[in-house]
Amino acid sequence: MWDYFQNKTILITGASSGIGEDLALSSALPNWLFDLLIPRLSGQKKDLEPRLL
C-alpha cells in the first residue's frame, strides 16, 4: 500500500501544474483522493494510468 502511495506522490511531484507540489507535500491525503484529483488536475488520466502500475 505504501508503494502505491509513493508512486502517486512521485507522479504528482513531477506534474507540470503548480498545484502538484502542494499535493505532494500533503502526504496525509488518502489514495482515493489522489484518484479523484490527479485526472482533474492533469487532464491526462489515460497517459498517467500506466505509470501508476
N, C-alpha and C. Protein backbone atom coordinates (compact mmCIF):
# COMPACT_ATOMS: atom_id res chain seq x y z
N MET A 1 0.83 -1.20 0.00
CA MET A 1 0.00 0.00 0.00
C MET A 1 0.87 1.26 0.00
N TRP A 2 1.99 1.22 0.74
CA TRP A 2 2.85 2.40 0.79
C TRP A 2 3.48 2.66 -0.57
N ASP A 3 3.88 1.60 -1.28
CA ASP A 3 4.46 1.77 -2.62
C ASP A 3 3.45 2.44 -3.54
N TYR A 4 2.18 2.06 -3.42
CA TYR A 4 1.12 2.64 -4.24
C TYR A 4 1.05 4.14 -3.98
N PHE A 5 1.11 4.51 -2.70
CA PHE A 5 1.03 5.93 -2.32
C PHE A 5 2.27 6.68 -2.79
N GLN A 6 3.44 6.05 -2.62
CA GLN A 6 4.69 6.68 -3.02
C GLN A 6 4.72 6.97 -4.51
N ASN A 7 4.25 6.03 -5.31
CA ASN A 7 4.23 6.22 -6.76
C ASN A 7 3.38 7.43 -7.13
N LYS A 8 2.25 7.58 -6.48
CA LYS A 8 1.38 8.71 -6.78
C LYS A 8 2.03 10.02 -6.35
N THR A 9 2.73 10.00 -5.23
CA THR A 9 3.40 11.22 -4.77
C THR A 9 4.47 11.64 -5.77
N ILE A 10 5.26 10.68 -6.25
CA ILE A 10 6.29 10.97 -7.24
C ILE A 10 5.65 11.51 -8.52
N LEU A 11 4.54 10.91 -8.91
CA LEU A 11 3.85 11.32 -10.12
C LEU A 11 3.37 12.77 -9.99
N ILE A 12 2.79 13.09 -8.84
CA ILE A 12 2.28 14.44 -8.63
C ILE A 12 3.43 15.44 -8.57
N THR A 13 4.53 15.06 -7.94
CA THR A 13 5.68 15.95 -7.83
C THR A 13 6.21 16.29 -9.21
N GLY A 14 6.15 15.33 -10.13
CA GLY A 14 6.66 15.56 -11.47
C GLY A 14 5.65 16.21 -12.40
N ALA A 15 4.45 16.45 -11.91
CA ALA A 15 3.41 17.05 -12.75
C ALA A 15 3.78 18.49 -13.12
N SER A 16 3.27 18.94 -14.25
CA SER A 16 3.61 20.28 -14.72
C SER A 16 2.80 21.36 -14.02
N SER A 17 1.67 21.00 -13.40
CA SER A 17 0.84 22.00 -12.75
C SER A 17 1.45 22.42 -11.41
N GLY A 18 1.35 23.69 -11.07
CA GLY A 18 1.91 24.18 -9.81
C GLY A 18 1.21 23.58 -8.61
N ILE A 19 -0.05 23.16 -8.78
CA ILE A 19 -0.81 22.58 -7.68
C ILE A 19 -0.19 21.25 -7.25
N GLY A 20 0.49 20.59 -8.17
CA GLY A 20 1.06 19.27 -7.88
C GLY A 20 2.00 19.28 -6.69
N GLU A 21 2.80 20.32 -6.58
CA GLU A 21 3.76 20.36 -5.48
C GLU A 21 3.04 20.44 -4.14
N ASP A 22 1.98 21.20 -4.07
CA ASP A 22 1.22 21.32 -2.83
C ASP A 22 0.61 19.97 -2.44
N LEU A 23 0.13 19.23 -3.44
CA LEU A 23 -0.47 17.93 -3.15
C LEU A 23 0.57 16.94 -2.65
N ALA A 24 1.76 16.99 -3.23
CA ALA A 24 2.82 16.07 -2.84
C ALA A 24 3.23 16.32 -1.39
N LEU A 25 3.15 17.55 -0.96
CA LEU A 25 3.51 17.89 0.42
C LEU A 25 2.45 17.41 1.40
N SER A 26 1.22 17.29 0.95
CA SER A 26 0.14 16.82 1.82
C SER A 26 0.13 15.30 1.83
N SER A 27 1.08 14.71 2.52
CA SER A 27 1.26 13.27 2.50
C SER A 27 0.14 12.54 3.22
N ALA A 28 -0.74 13.28 3.91
CA ALA A 28 -1.80 12.63 4.66
C ALA A 28 -3.04 12.34 3.80
N LEU A 29 -3.02 12.80 2.56
CA LEU A 29 -4.18 12.56 1.69
C LEU A 29 -4.35 11.07 1.41
N PRO A 30 -5.58 10.56 1.50
CA PRO A 30 -5.83 9.15 1.21
C PRO A 30 -5.73 8.85 -0.28
N ASN A 31 -5.52 7.59 -0.61
CA ASN A 31 -5.33 7.19 -2.01
C ASN A 31 -6.53 7.52 -2.88
N TRP A 32 -7.73 7.35 -2.33
CA TRP A 32 -8.91 7.60 -3.17
C TRP A 32 -8.99 9.08 -3.54
N LEU A 33 -8.43 9.93 -2.71
CA LEU A 33 -8.45 11.36 -3.01
C LEU A 33 -7.51 11.66 -4.18
N PHE A 34 -6.35 10.97 -4.21
CA PHE A 34 -5.45 11.12 -5.35
C PHE A 34 -6.15 10.69 -6.63
N ASP A 35 -6.90 9.58 -6.55
CA ASP A 35 -7.59 9.07 -7.73
C ASP A 35 -8.58 10.10 -8.27
N LEU A 36 -9.16 10.90 -7.37
CA LEU A 36 -10.12 11.91 -7.80
C LEU A 36 -9.41 13.16 -8.33
N LEU A 37 -8.30 13.53 -7.69
CA LEU A 37 -7.65 14.79 -8.02
C LEU A 37 -6.74 14.73 -9.24
N ILE A 38 -5.98 13.65 -9.38
CA ILE A 38 -4.99 13.58 -10.47
C ILE A 38 -5.63 13.78 -11.85
N PRO A 39 -6.72 13.08 -12.18
CA PRO A 39 -7.30 13.28 -13.51
C PRO A 39 -7.80 14.71 -13.72
N ARG A 40 -8.33 15.34 -12.68
CA ARG A 40 -8.87 16.70 -12.83
C ARG A 40 -7.75 17.72 -13.00
N LEU A 41 -6.63 17.51 -12.29
CA LEU A 41 -5.53 18.47 -12.36
C LEU A 41 -4.78 18.36 -13.67
N SER A 42 -4.53 17.13 -14.10
CA SER A 42 -3.69 16.93 -15.28
C SER A 42 -4.50 16.85 -16.57
N GLY A 43 -5.70 16.26 -16.49
CA GLY A 43 -6.48 16.06 -17.70
C GLY A 43 -5.86 15.01 -18.59
N GLN A 44 -4.96 14.18 -18.04
CA GLN A 44 -4.25 13.18 -18.84
C GLN A 44 -4.32 11.81 -18.17
N LYS A 45 -5.47 11.46 -17.63
CA LYS A 45 -5.55 10.21 -16.88
C LYS A 45 -5.13 9.01 -17.74
N LYS A 46 -5.48 9.00 -19.01
CA LYS A 46 -5.12 7.87 -19.87
C LYS A 46 -3.61 7.74 -19.99
N ASP A 47 -2.90 8.87 -20.00
CA ASP A 47 -1.44 8.84 -20.11
C ASP A 47 -0.80 8.45 -18.78
N LEU A 48 -1.46 8.80 -17.67
CA LEU A 48 -0.86 8.57 -16.35
C LEU A 48 -1.08 7.15 -15.84
N GLU A 49 -2.16 6.52 -16.23
CA GLU A 49 -2.51 5.20 -15.68
C GLU A 49 -1.38 4.17 -15.77
N PRO A 50 -0.69 4.03 -16.92
CA PRO A 50 0.37 3.03 -16.99
C PRO A 50 1.49 3.27 -15.98
N ARG A 51 1.76 4.53 -15.66
CA ARG A 51 2.84 4.84 -14.73
C ARG A 51 2.45 4.52 -13.29
N LEU A 52 1.15 4.47 -13.00
CA LEU A 52 0.71 4.17 -11.64
C LEU A 52 0.87 2.69 -11.32
N LEU A 53 0.94 1.84 -12.36
CA LEU A 53 1.03 0.41 -12.13
C LEU A 53 2.43 -0.03 -11.87
